[in-house]
N, C-alpha and C. Protein backbone atom coordinates (compact mmCIF):
# COMPACT_ATOMS: atom_id res chain seq x y z
N MET A 1 -10.22 1.67 13.72
CA MET A 1 -9.43 2.70 14.42
C MET A 1 -9.44 4.03 13.65
N LYS A 2 -9.51 5.10 14.34
CA LYS A 2 -9.40 6.42 13.77
C LYS A 2 -7.91 6.69 13.38
N ILE A 3 -7.73 7.55 12.36
CA ILE A 3 -6.36 7.88 11.93
C ILE A 3 -5.48 8.34 13.02
N SER A 4 -6.08 9.16 13.88
CA SER A 4 -5.35 9.76 15.02
C SER A 4 -4.90 8.69 15.96
N GLU A 5 -5.80 7.70 16.24
CA GLU A 5 -5.50 6.60 17.09
C GLU A 5 -4.28 5.69 16.42
N GLY A 6 -4.40 5.48 15.09
CA GLY A 6 -3.39 4.82 14.45
C GLY A 6 -2.00 5.49 14.47
N ILE A 7 -1.99 6.76 14.32
CA ILE A 7 -0.75 7.46 14.43
C ILE A 7 -0.14 7.39 15.82
N LYS A 8 -0.98 7.57 16.82
CA LYS A 8 -0.59 7.56 18.21
C LYS A 8 -0.02 6.03 18.49
N GLU A 9 -0.70 5.09 17.89
CA GLU A 9 -0.20 3.71 18.16
C GLU A 9 1.20 3.55 17.47
N LEU A 10 1.39 4.14 16.32
CA LEU A 10 2.74 4.07 15.69
C LEU A 10 3.79 4.69 16.64
N PHE A 11 3.57 5.80 17.16
CA PHE A 11 4.43 6.48 18.07
C PHE A 11 4.67 5.57 19.31
N SER A 12 3.65 5.05 19.80
CA SER A 12 3.76 4.17 20.95
C SER A 12 4.64 2.93 20.72
N ARG A 13 4.35 2.28 19.56
CA ARG A 13 5.13 1.12 19.26
C ARG A 13 6.55 1.32 18.98
N THR A 14 6.82 2.52 18.42
CA THR A 14 8.23 2.78 18.09
C THR A 14 8.98 3.60 19.17
N GLY A 15 8.25 4.18 20.06
CA GLY A 15 8.89 4.99 21.17
C GLY A 15 9.46 6.31 20.63
N ALA A 16 9.12 6.71 19.40
CA ALA A 16 9.53 7.95 18.80
C ALA A 16 8.80 9.07 19.42
N LYS A 17 9.41 10.16 19.31
CA LYS A 17 8.87 11.42 19.83
C LYS A 17 8.44 12.36 18.57
N GLN A 18 7.37 13.02 18.64
CA GLN A 18 6.82 13.86 17.52
C GLN A 18 7.96 14.85 17.12
N LYS A 19 8.60 15.55 18.10
CA LYS A 19 9.55 16.57 17.71
C LYS A 19 10.74 16.00 16.95
N ASP A 20 11.14 14.78 17.26
CA ASP A 20 12.31 14.15 16.59
C ASP A 20 11.90 13.75 15.14
N VAL A 21 10.70 13.12 15.03
CA VAL A 21 10.23 12.69 13.73
C VAL A 21 10.06 13.96 12.86
N ALA A 22 9.41 15.01 13.42
CA ALA A 22 9.16 16.21 12.67
C ALA A 22 10.55 16.78 12.15
N ALA A 23 11.47 16.82 12.97
CA ALA A 23 12.79 17.33 12.58
C ALA A 23 13.40 16.45 11.56
N ASN A 24 13.36 15.11 11.65
CA ASN A 24 13.81 14.22 10.62
C ASN A 24 13.16 14.38 9.28
N LEU A 25 11.81 14.76 9.29
CA LEU A 25 11.07 15.03 8.10
C LEU A 25 11.32 16.45 7.47
N GLY A 26 12.15 17.32 8.17
CA GLY A 26 12.45 18.61 7.73
C GLY A 26 11.48 19.64 8.23
N TYR A 27 10.48 19.30 9.02
CA TYR A 27 9.54 20.38 9.51
C TYR A 27 10.27 21.17 10.64
N LYS A 28 9.93 22.39 10.70
CA LYS A 28 10.55 23.34 11.76
C LYS A 28 9.99 23.07 13.10
N SER A 29 8.73 22.49 13.10
CA SER A 29 7.93 22.44 14.35
C SER A 29 7.21 21.04 14.30
N PRO A 30 7.03 20.43 15.39
CA PRO A 30 6.24 19.21 15.42
C PRO A 30 4.74 19.50 15.28
N ALA A 31 4.38 20.78 15.22
CA ALA A 31 2.96 21.24 15.16
C ALA A 31 2.22 20.53 14.03
N ILE A 32 2.93 20.46 12.81
CA ILE A 32 2.25 19.85 11.63
C ILE A 32 1.72 18.44 11.94
N ILE A 33 2.51 17.72 12.72
CA ILE A 33 2.11 16.35 13.06
C ILE A 33 1.00 16.42 14.16
N SER A 34 1.16 17.19 15.29
CA SER A 34 0.26 17.18 16.33
C SER A 34 -1.04 17.85 15.89
N ASN A 35 -1.07 18.83 14.96
CA ASN A 35 -2.31 19.40 14.48
C ASN A 35 -3.09 18.40 13.60
N ALA A 36 -2.30 17.79 12.77
CA ALA A 36 -2.97 16.80 11.87
C ALA A 36 -3.65 15.64 12.70
N ILE A 37 -2.99 15.18 13.70
CA ILE A 37 -3.58 14.23 14.53
C ILE A 37 -4.80 14.67 15.27
N ALA A 38 -4.68 15.89 15.78
CA ALA A 38 -5.82 16.46 16.58
C ALA A 38 -7.03 16.74 15.72
N ARG A 39 -6.81 17.12 14.46
CA ARG A 39 -7.98 17.51 13.53
C ARG A 39 -8.49 16.30 12.78
N GLU A 40 -7.76 15.08 12.84
CA GLU A 40 -8.20 13.97 12.05
C GLU A 40 -8.01 14.31 10.49
N ASN A 41 -7.11 15.24 10.27
CA ASN A 41 -7.03 15.67 8.85
C ASN A 41 -5.49 15.66 8.43
N ILE A 42 -5.14 14.64 7.84
CA ILE A 42 -3.75 14.43 7.44
C ILE A 42 -3.65 14.00 5.97
N THR A 43 -2.88 14.60 5.16
CA THR A 43 -2.78 14.31 3.79
C THR A 43 -2.08 12.94 3.66
N LEU A 44 -2.32 12.22 2.54
CA LEU A 44 -1.70 10.95 2.32
C LEU A 44 -0.15 11.06 2.21
N ASP A 45 0.21 12.13 1.70
CA ASP A 45 1.74 12.42 1.52
C ASP A 45 2.26 12.44 2.98
N VAL A 46 1.73 13.27 3.78
CA VAL A 46 2.29 13.40 5.15
C VAL A 46 2.15 12.02 5.93
N LEU A 47 1.08 11.33 5.80
CA LEU A 47 0.96 10.03 6.39
C LEU A 47 2.02 8.97 5.91
N VAL A 48 2.30 8.94 4.67
CA VAL A 48 3.28 8.05 4.06
C VAL A 48 4.68 8.55 4.55
N ARG A 49 4.98 9.72 4.52
CA ARG A 49 6.27 10.22 5.00
C ARG A 49 6.45 9.90 6.48
N LEU A 50 5.45 10.09 7.29
CA LEU A 50 5.45 9.82 8.77
C LEU A 50 5.71 8.34 9.07
N CYS A 51 4.88 7.55 8.26
CA CYS A 51 5.12 6.10 8.43
C CYS A 51 6.51 5.61 8.13
N GLU A 52 6.96 6.15 6.91
CA GLU A 52 8.35 5.72 6.55
C GLU A 52 9.41 6.12 7.62
N ALA A 53 9.20 7.35 8.15
CA ALA A 53 9.96 7.77 9.20
C ALA A 53 10.09 6.89 10.40
N LEU A 54 8.93 6.26 10.62
CA LEU A 54 8.85 5.25 11.74
C LEU A 54 9.03 3.78 11.29
N ASN A 55 9.53 3.67 10.11
CA ASN A 55 9.85 2.20 9.53
C ASN A 55 8.58 1.46 9.39
N TYR A 56 7.49 2.11 8.98
CA TYR A 56 6.24 1.42 8.70
C TYR A 56 5.89 1.78 7.27
N ASN A 57 5.05 0.95 6.61
CA ASN A 57 4.63 1.15 5.30
C ASN A 57 2.96 1.33 5.30
N VAL A 58 2.58 2.14 4.37
CA VAL A 58 1.01 2.23 4.13
C VAL A 58 0.77 1.15 3.11
N VAL A 59 -0.12 0.28 3.44
CA VAL A 59 -0.45 -0.84 2.57
C VAL A 59 -1.94 -0.88 2.33
N LEU A 60 -2.36 -1.03 1.05
CA LEU A 60 -3.70 -1.20 0.68
C LEU A 60 -3.97 -2.71 0.57
N ARG A 61 -5.01 -3.27 1.07
CA ARG A 61 -5.33 -4.69 0.95
C ARG A 61 -6.79 -4.80 0.88
N PRO A 62 -7.23 -5.87 0.35
CA PRO A 62 -8.79 -6.07 0.29
C PRO A 62 -9.31 -6.12 1.80
N SER A 63 -10.48 -5.54 1.88
CA SER A 63 -11.06 -5.42 3.28
C SER A 63 -11.56 -6.86 3.76
N VAL A 64 -11.69 -7.75 2.90
CA VAL A 64 -12.17 -9.11 3.29
C VAL A 64 -11.01 -9.96 4.02
N ILE A 65 -9.74 -9.42 3.79
CA ILE A 65 -8.64 -10.17 4.44
C ILE A 65 -8.51 -9.61 5.85
N LYS A 66 -8.41 -10.54 6.80
CA LYS A 66 -8.33 -10.17 8.19
C LYS A 66 -7.00 -9.65 8.50
N ALA A 67 -6.85 -8.54 9.28
CA ALA A 67 -5.57 -7.90 9.67
C ALA A 67 -4.81 -8.84 10.57
N SER A 68 -3.43 -8.76 10.49
CA SER A 68 -2.63 -9.43 11.47
C SER A 68 -2.47 -8.56 12.74
N GLU A 69 -1.97 -9.15 13.75
CA GLU A 69 -1.74 -8.46 14.98
C GLU A 69 -0.73 -7.36 14.87
N THR A 70 0.07 -7.40 13.92
CA THR A 70 1.20 -6.30 13.73
C THR A 70 0.71 -5.20 12.87
N GLU A 71 -0.48 -5.35 12.26
CA GLU A 71 -1.02 -4.19 11.42
C GLU A 71 -1.79 -3.28 12.25
N ILE A 72 -1.79 -2.05 11.74
CA ILE A 72 -2.66 -0.97 12.34
C ILE A 72 -3.68 -0.61 11.20
N VAL A 73 -4.89 -0.84 11.48
CA VAL A 73 -5.90 -0.71 10.44
C VAL A 73 -6.62 0.57 10.77
N ILE A 74 -6.62 1.47 9.67
CA ILE A 74 -7.34 2.72 9.83
C ILE A 74 -8.71 2.60 9.08
N ASP A 75 -9.77 2.92 9.87
CA ASP A 75 -11.12 2.92 9.24
C ASP A 75 -11.39 4.24 8.71
N ILE A 76 -12.00 4.23 7.46
CA ILE A 76 -12.41 5.41 6.81
C ILE A 76 -13.87 5.74 7.31
N PRO A 77 -14.12 6.93 7.88
CA PRO A 77 -15.41 7.33 8.35
C PRO A 77 -16.37 7.36 7.17
N LYS A 78 -17.61 6.86 7.35
CA LYS A 78 -18.62 6.93 6.28
C LYS A 78 -19.10 8.41 6.15
N LYS A 79 -19.33 8.76 4.93
CA LYS A 79 -19.93 10.08 4.63
C LYS A 79 -21.31 9.87 4.13
N ASP A 80 -22.20 10.85 4.31
CA ASP A 80 -23.55 10.75 3.89
C ASP A 80 -23.57 10.37 2.36
N GLY A 81 -24.48 9.40 2.14
CA GLY A 81 -24.64 9.03 0.77
C GLY A 81 -23.56 8.18 0.13
N VAL A 82 -22.46 7.82 0.89
CA VAL A 82 -21.32 7.14 0.30
C VAL A 82 -21.18 5.81 0.97
N LYS A 83 -21.36 4.68 0.28
CA LYS A 83 -21.17 3.42 0.84
C LYS A 83 -19.69 3.11 1.29
N ASN A 84 -19.46 2.51 2.41
CA ASN A 84 -18.15 2.13 2.80
C ASN A 84 -18.10 0.53 2.82
N ASN A 85 -17.32 0.06 1.98
CA ASN A 85 -17.31 -1.52 1.75
C ASN A 85 -16.50 -2.08 2.89
N GLY A 86 -15.84 -1.41 3.84
CA GLY A 86 -14.99 -1.90 4.74
C GLY A 86 -15.70 -2.16 6.00
């Protein structure tokens, strides 16, 4: 799943609104969240803070372990010349 899809799934599961989460995180506008989602470009810091605000954690686990139904798995897109082990 793309990172934008994963974040949208978080909002769907929690019923939270971007404007409320943005305000809770101290952002003046929800644009930082919506822009990051739209561009598929979000820093790890923003992702972790966003997940924490929605009562989720960012967890790293070996790719050989199958995800549970409650997990949201973000796939890292392959870049030219870089192997993706997941």
